[in-house]
């Protein structure tokens, strides 16, 4: 189980294509990149990230064992996201998350 968990929803067009480009940009920093349905799973040494395309944008989840790696993976994703698409100034806001990935309680952004 990971100690630090956060999620973000970024409203962007063509989320599936952006997720693929983001994986390509981040793959040299990952131990592995896997695909499970529409999800892209990026595994790092003490962390992992899940990218899930949605109709209105891209859902991102970062889980990490220690705070430094956790924050580093978030920064990596944000920086590479800005390199592949235009993101509004306040477009990436990380929120604390629970154990279930992308639990929405019925709300769909």
Foldseek 3Di string as FASTA:
>chain_A
DFDFKKKWWFFDPPALVLVVQLCVQCVVQFPDWDDDPSWIWGHHDFKIKIWHADHGTIMIMIGGRDDVVRVVVVVSSVVSSVVRDPGPPPRTDIDTDDPDPPDDVPDDD
